[in-house]
Structures are given as C-alpha cells and as structure tokens.
Amino acid sequence: MNSIDQVPEARPMHSAHRVALRREMETTVSTSPRRWQRSSVAFVLTVTMAAGGVGIAAAAVYVHYETVTNMNTAHCYSLPQLGDNGTTIAVLNPATGTSQVTDALGMCGMLWRDGFLSTGVSQVIRVTGPITVHPVPNLVVCTMADGTAGVFPGAASTCSELGLAQPTPMTPTP
C-alpha cells in the first residue's frame, strides 16, 4: 500500500465556493505571468540598451594606430573629408634625388600659413601677391590606407570619423 491509496475521496463543495475558487484561480493564473513577462521584457530591453550604449561609447573612444610607411609623399587636405581636395607634397633631397617627408604636419601647416590652402576651398590657391600670414586651423595627421600621411583640418576624432588610423606615436630616444 502506498500514500496515493491513502488519499481520501473528494468532499462535496458548495457551488458558490467552487465558482469563487475558480474565478480566483483564473485571475491569479491570467495576471501573474503577464506581469512577470512584461517586467522581464522591460528588464531585458534595458540591459540590452545599456550594453549597446557602452559598446557605442567604447567604439567612439577607440583609437586605431598604424605606422606611416610611405615617406615619399604626403597629402595636405583642405577639407576634413577624403577625396580630391588639397595637394600632395614631397620634399626632394638634391643629394640623393629622392623625396622623403619627415614632417607632414609642419609642411602642411606652412601651406595653410602662406595661404595656399584655405578653409572650405577644395583646390590649392595660387598666391601671386606678397605672402601674408594666414590663420592655420587645427590640423591632424592620419595614416592613409596606402601608408601615406594625410593631414586634415579638424579635431583629434577626425581620423576615426574618416575611417583612418592615427600614426603610431613616436617614442623618444634616450
């Protein structure tokens, strides 16, 4: 003999009690999971959005570095965008007959200062009169896809906004 055999028979219940009990059970069953389901969906959405926000913030702060490998030329852009604007520079070494750009930022800054490059103008300006000192915008160096240095007007975030890397920082020699 087991414990199931010892369960007493069901007792009769008044119909009013049975209806009230049934309504109470239906109310409990129909509302509880929905409240739980709504709160869990809200919780999952909140956590997902928070994680997405953290990911976007991390991506915005991420800085990608690449070494400038093509030292023969550099490009001075007059607009903070890729394309056909600005000019390409090269510094010729008369002794060897080769070019090497070691200070792209300084050379492009000189073109801005002398008025050959100007804000909002996509082409090089031909300066015919006396050279005067022009304002130089904030310039930033980026490593182009081909390893050339590209100098753009803009903030430190310009390289990442254009999908380019920043040049690898130089380490001081002792």
Protein backbone atom coordinates (compact mmCIF):
# COMPACT_ATOMS: atom_id res chain seq x y z
CA MET A 1 0.00 0.00 0.00
CA ASN A 2 1.35 3.43 -0.91
CA SER A 3 0.48 7.02 0.00
CA ILE A 4 -1.77 7.54 -3.01
CA ASP A 5 -4.04 4.81 -1.80
CA GLN A 6 -4.46 6.71 1.47
CA VAL A 7 -5.79 9.95 -0.11
CA PRO A 8 -9.39 10.47 0.97
CA GLU A 9 -12.19 10.90 -1.55
CA ALA A 10 -13.08 14.42 -2.74
CA ARG A 11 -15.55 16.15 -0.49
CA PRO A 12 -18.54 17.89 -1.96
CA MET A 13 -18.20 21.71 -2.27
CA HIS A 14 -20.98 24.23 -2.47
CA SER A 15 -21.35 25.62 -5.99
CA ALA A 16 -20.86 29.23 -4.78
CA HIS A 17 -17.49 28.31 -3.24
CA ARG A 18 -16.48 26.37 -6.34
CA VAL A 19 -17.30 29.36 -8.62
CA ALA A 20 -15.43 31.79 -6.34
CA LEU A 21 -12.41 29.47 -6.15
CA ARG A 22 -12.40 29.01 -9.93
CA ARG A 23 -12.55 32.80 -10.52
CA GLU A 24 -9.72 33.37 -8.06
CA MET A 25 -7.58 30.72 -9.74
CA GLU A 26 -8.32 32.12 -13.22
CA THR A 27 -7.46 35.66 -12.08
CA THR A 28 -4.21 34.52 -10.49
CA VAL A 29 -3.18 32.40 -13.45
CA SER A 30 -4.11 35.01 -16.09
CA THR A 31 -2.45 38.07 -14.45
CA SER A 32 0.67 36.83 -12.69
CA PRO A 33 2.65 35.57 -15.70
CA ARG A 34 1.82 38.68 -17.74
CA ARG A 35 3.15 40.99 -15.05
CA TRP A 36 6.26 38.85 -14.80
CA GLN A 37 6.55 38.65 -18.58
CA ARG A 38 6.24 42.43 -19.01
CA SER A 39 8.77 43.14 -16.32
CA SER A 40 11.23 40.60 -17.72
CA VAL A 41 10.89 42.03 -21.24
CA ALA A 42 11.48 45.52 -19.88
CA PHE A 43 14.48 44.27 -17.93
CA VAL A 44 15.97 42.52 -20.97
CA LEU A 45 15.43 45.62 -23.14
CA THR A 46 17.00 47.86 -20.51
CA VAL A 47 20.06 45.64 -20.17
CA THR A 48 20.41 45.33 -23.96
CA MET A 49 20.19 49.08 -24.49
CA ALA A 50 22.68 49.74 -21.70
CA ALA A 51 25.13 47.24 -23.18
CA GLY A 52 24.67 48.78 -26.63
CA GLY A 53 25.32 52.26 -25.22
CA VAL A 54 28.51 51.07 -23.54
CA GLY A 55 29.61 49.44 -26.81
CA ILE A 56 28.99 52.62 -28.81
CA ALA A 57 30.85 54.69 -26.23
CA ALA A 58 33.79 52.28 -26.32
CA ALA A 59 33.87 52.39 -30.12
CA ALA A 60 33.83 56.19 -30.08
CA VAL A 61 36.81 56.28 -27.73
CA TYR A 62 38.78 53.56 -29.54
CA VAL A 63 41.85 54.93 -31.32
CA HIS A 64 43.45 52.87 -34.06
CA TYR A 65 47.16 53.39 -34.76
CA GLU A 66 49.13 52.46 -37.87
CA THR A 67 52.66 53.38 -38.87
CA VAL A 68 53.19 55.76 -41.79
CA THR A 69 55.15 53.54 -44.19
CA ASN A 70 55.19 55.67 -47.36
CA MET A 71 57.54 58.54 -46.57
CA ASN A 72 57.98 59.64 -50.22
CA THR A 73 54.90 61.88 -50.25
CA ALA A 74 52.15 63.19 -48.01
CA HIS A 75 48.77 64.72 -48.73
CA CYS A 76 47.58 68.04 -47.31
CA TYR A 77 43.77 68.14 -47.33
CA SER A 78 41.91 71.45 -47.31
CA LEU A 79 38.63 69.85 -46.18
CA PRO A 80 38.05 67.29 -43.39
CA GLN A 81 37.00 64.65 -45.90
CA LEU A 82 38.57 62.14 -48.24
CA GLY A 83 38.54 62.92 -51.92
CA ASP A 84 40.12 65.27 -54.39
CA ASN A 85 40.91 68.29 -52.27
CA GLY A 86 44.18 69.85 -51.18
CA THR A 87 47.54 68.87 -52.60
CA THR A 88 50.26 66.24 -52.49
CA ILE A 89 53.66 67.29 -51.16
CA ALA A 90 57.13 65.83 -51.49
CA VAL A 91 60.47 67.09 -50.22
CA LEU A 92 63.29 66.42 -52.67
CA ASN A 93 66.75 65.63 -51.36
CA PRO A 94 69.10 67.12 -54.01
CA ALA A 95 71.99 64.92 -52.93
CA THR A 96 70.15 61.63 -53.45
CA GLY A 97 67.41 62.68 -55.87
CA THR A 98 64.77 61.04 -53.68
CA SER A 99 61.99 62.57 -51.65
CA GLN A 100 61.22 62.00 -48.02
CA VAL A 101 58.54 63.72 -45.97
CA THR A 102 59.53 63.60 -42.32
CA ASP A 103 57.30 66.46 -41.06
CA ALA A 104 54.00 66.32 -42.94
CA LEU A 105 52.21 68.33 -40.25
CA GLY A 106 54.78 71.14 -40.41
CA MET A 107 54.84 71.24 -44.21
CA CYS A 108 51.04 71.32 -44.50
CA GLY A 109 50.86 73.94 -41.75
CA MET A 110 53.22 76.09 -43.83
CA LEU A 111 50.90 75.78 -46.86
CA TRP A 112 47.98 76.95 -44.70
CA ARG A 113 50.03 79.79 -43.17
CA ASP A 114 51.18 81.02 -46.60
CA GLY A 115 47.59 80.99 -47.96
CA PHE A 116 47.93 78.13 -50.46
CA LEU A 117 45.27 76.17 -48.55
CA SER A 118 42.15 77.80 -47.14
CA THR A 119 39.13 76.61 -45.15
CA GLY A 120 36.29 75.47 -47.39
CA VAL A 121 38.32 75.74 -50.62
CA SER A 122 38.95 72.35 -52.20
CA GLN A 123 41.80 73.39 -54.50
CA VAL A 124 45.18 74.97 -53.99
CA ILE A 125 45.04 78.77 -54.20
CA ARG A 126 47.57 80.46 -56.49
CA VAL A 127 49.18 83.20 -54.42
CA THR A 128 50.54 85.92 -56.71
CA GLY A 129 50.91 88.91 -54.42
CA PRO A 130 53.03 89.35 -51.33
CA ILE A 131 52.73 86.42 -48.97
CA THR A 132 50.96 87.26 -45.73
CA VAL A 133 50.39 85.08 -42.70
CA HIS A 134 47.01 83.33 -42.80
CA PRO A 135 45.25 81.51 -39.95
CA VAL A 136 46.06 77.83 -39.60
CA PRO A 137 43.20 75.60 -38.42
CA ASN A 138 43.75 72.74 -36.04
CA LEU A 139 45.45 70.04 -38.15
CA VAL A 140 45.55 66.31 -37.50
CA VAL A 141 47.71 63.63 -39.15
CA CYS A 142 46.10 60.36 -40.23
CA THR A 143 47.62 57.24 -41.79
CA MET A 144 46.01 56.64 -45.18
CA ALA A 145 45.21 53.13 -46.45
CA ASP A 146 48.36 53.14 -48.63
CA GLY A 147 50.60 54.10 -45.69
CA THR A 148 50.91 57.77 -46.68
CA ALA A 149 50.44 60.56 -44.14
CA GLY A 150 47.29 62.62 -44.70
CA VAL A 151 46.93 65.95 -42.88
CA PHE A 152 43.34 67.12 -42.36
CA PRO A 153 41.83 70.21 -40.74
CA GLY A 154 39.80 69.07 -37.75
CA ALA A 155 39.82 67.66 -34.25
CA ALA A 156 41.55 64.57 -32.87
CA SER A 157 38.49 62.49 -33.76
CA THR A 158 38.76 63.34 -37.49
CA CYS A 159 40.81 60.22 -38.32
CA SER A 160 38.31 57.82 -36.75
CA GLU A 161 35.39 59.71 -38.33
CA LEU A 162 37.01 59.20 -41.74
CA GLY A 163 37.75 55.53 -41.01
CA LEU A 164 41.51 56.14 -40.93
CA ALA A 165 44.16 55.28 -38.36
CA GLN A 166 46.30 57.73 -36.46
CA PRO A 167 50.05 57.45 -36.99
CA THR A 168 51.87 55.35 -34.44
CA PRO A 169 53.19 57.68 -31.73
CA MET A 170 56.93 58.23 -31.84
CA THR A 171 58.80 57.02 -28.77
CA PRO A 172 61.54 59.36 -27.60
CA THR A 173 65.03 58.02 -27.94
CA PRO A 174 67.17 58.17 -24.79
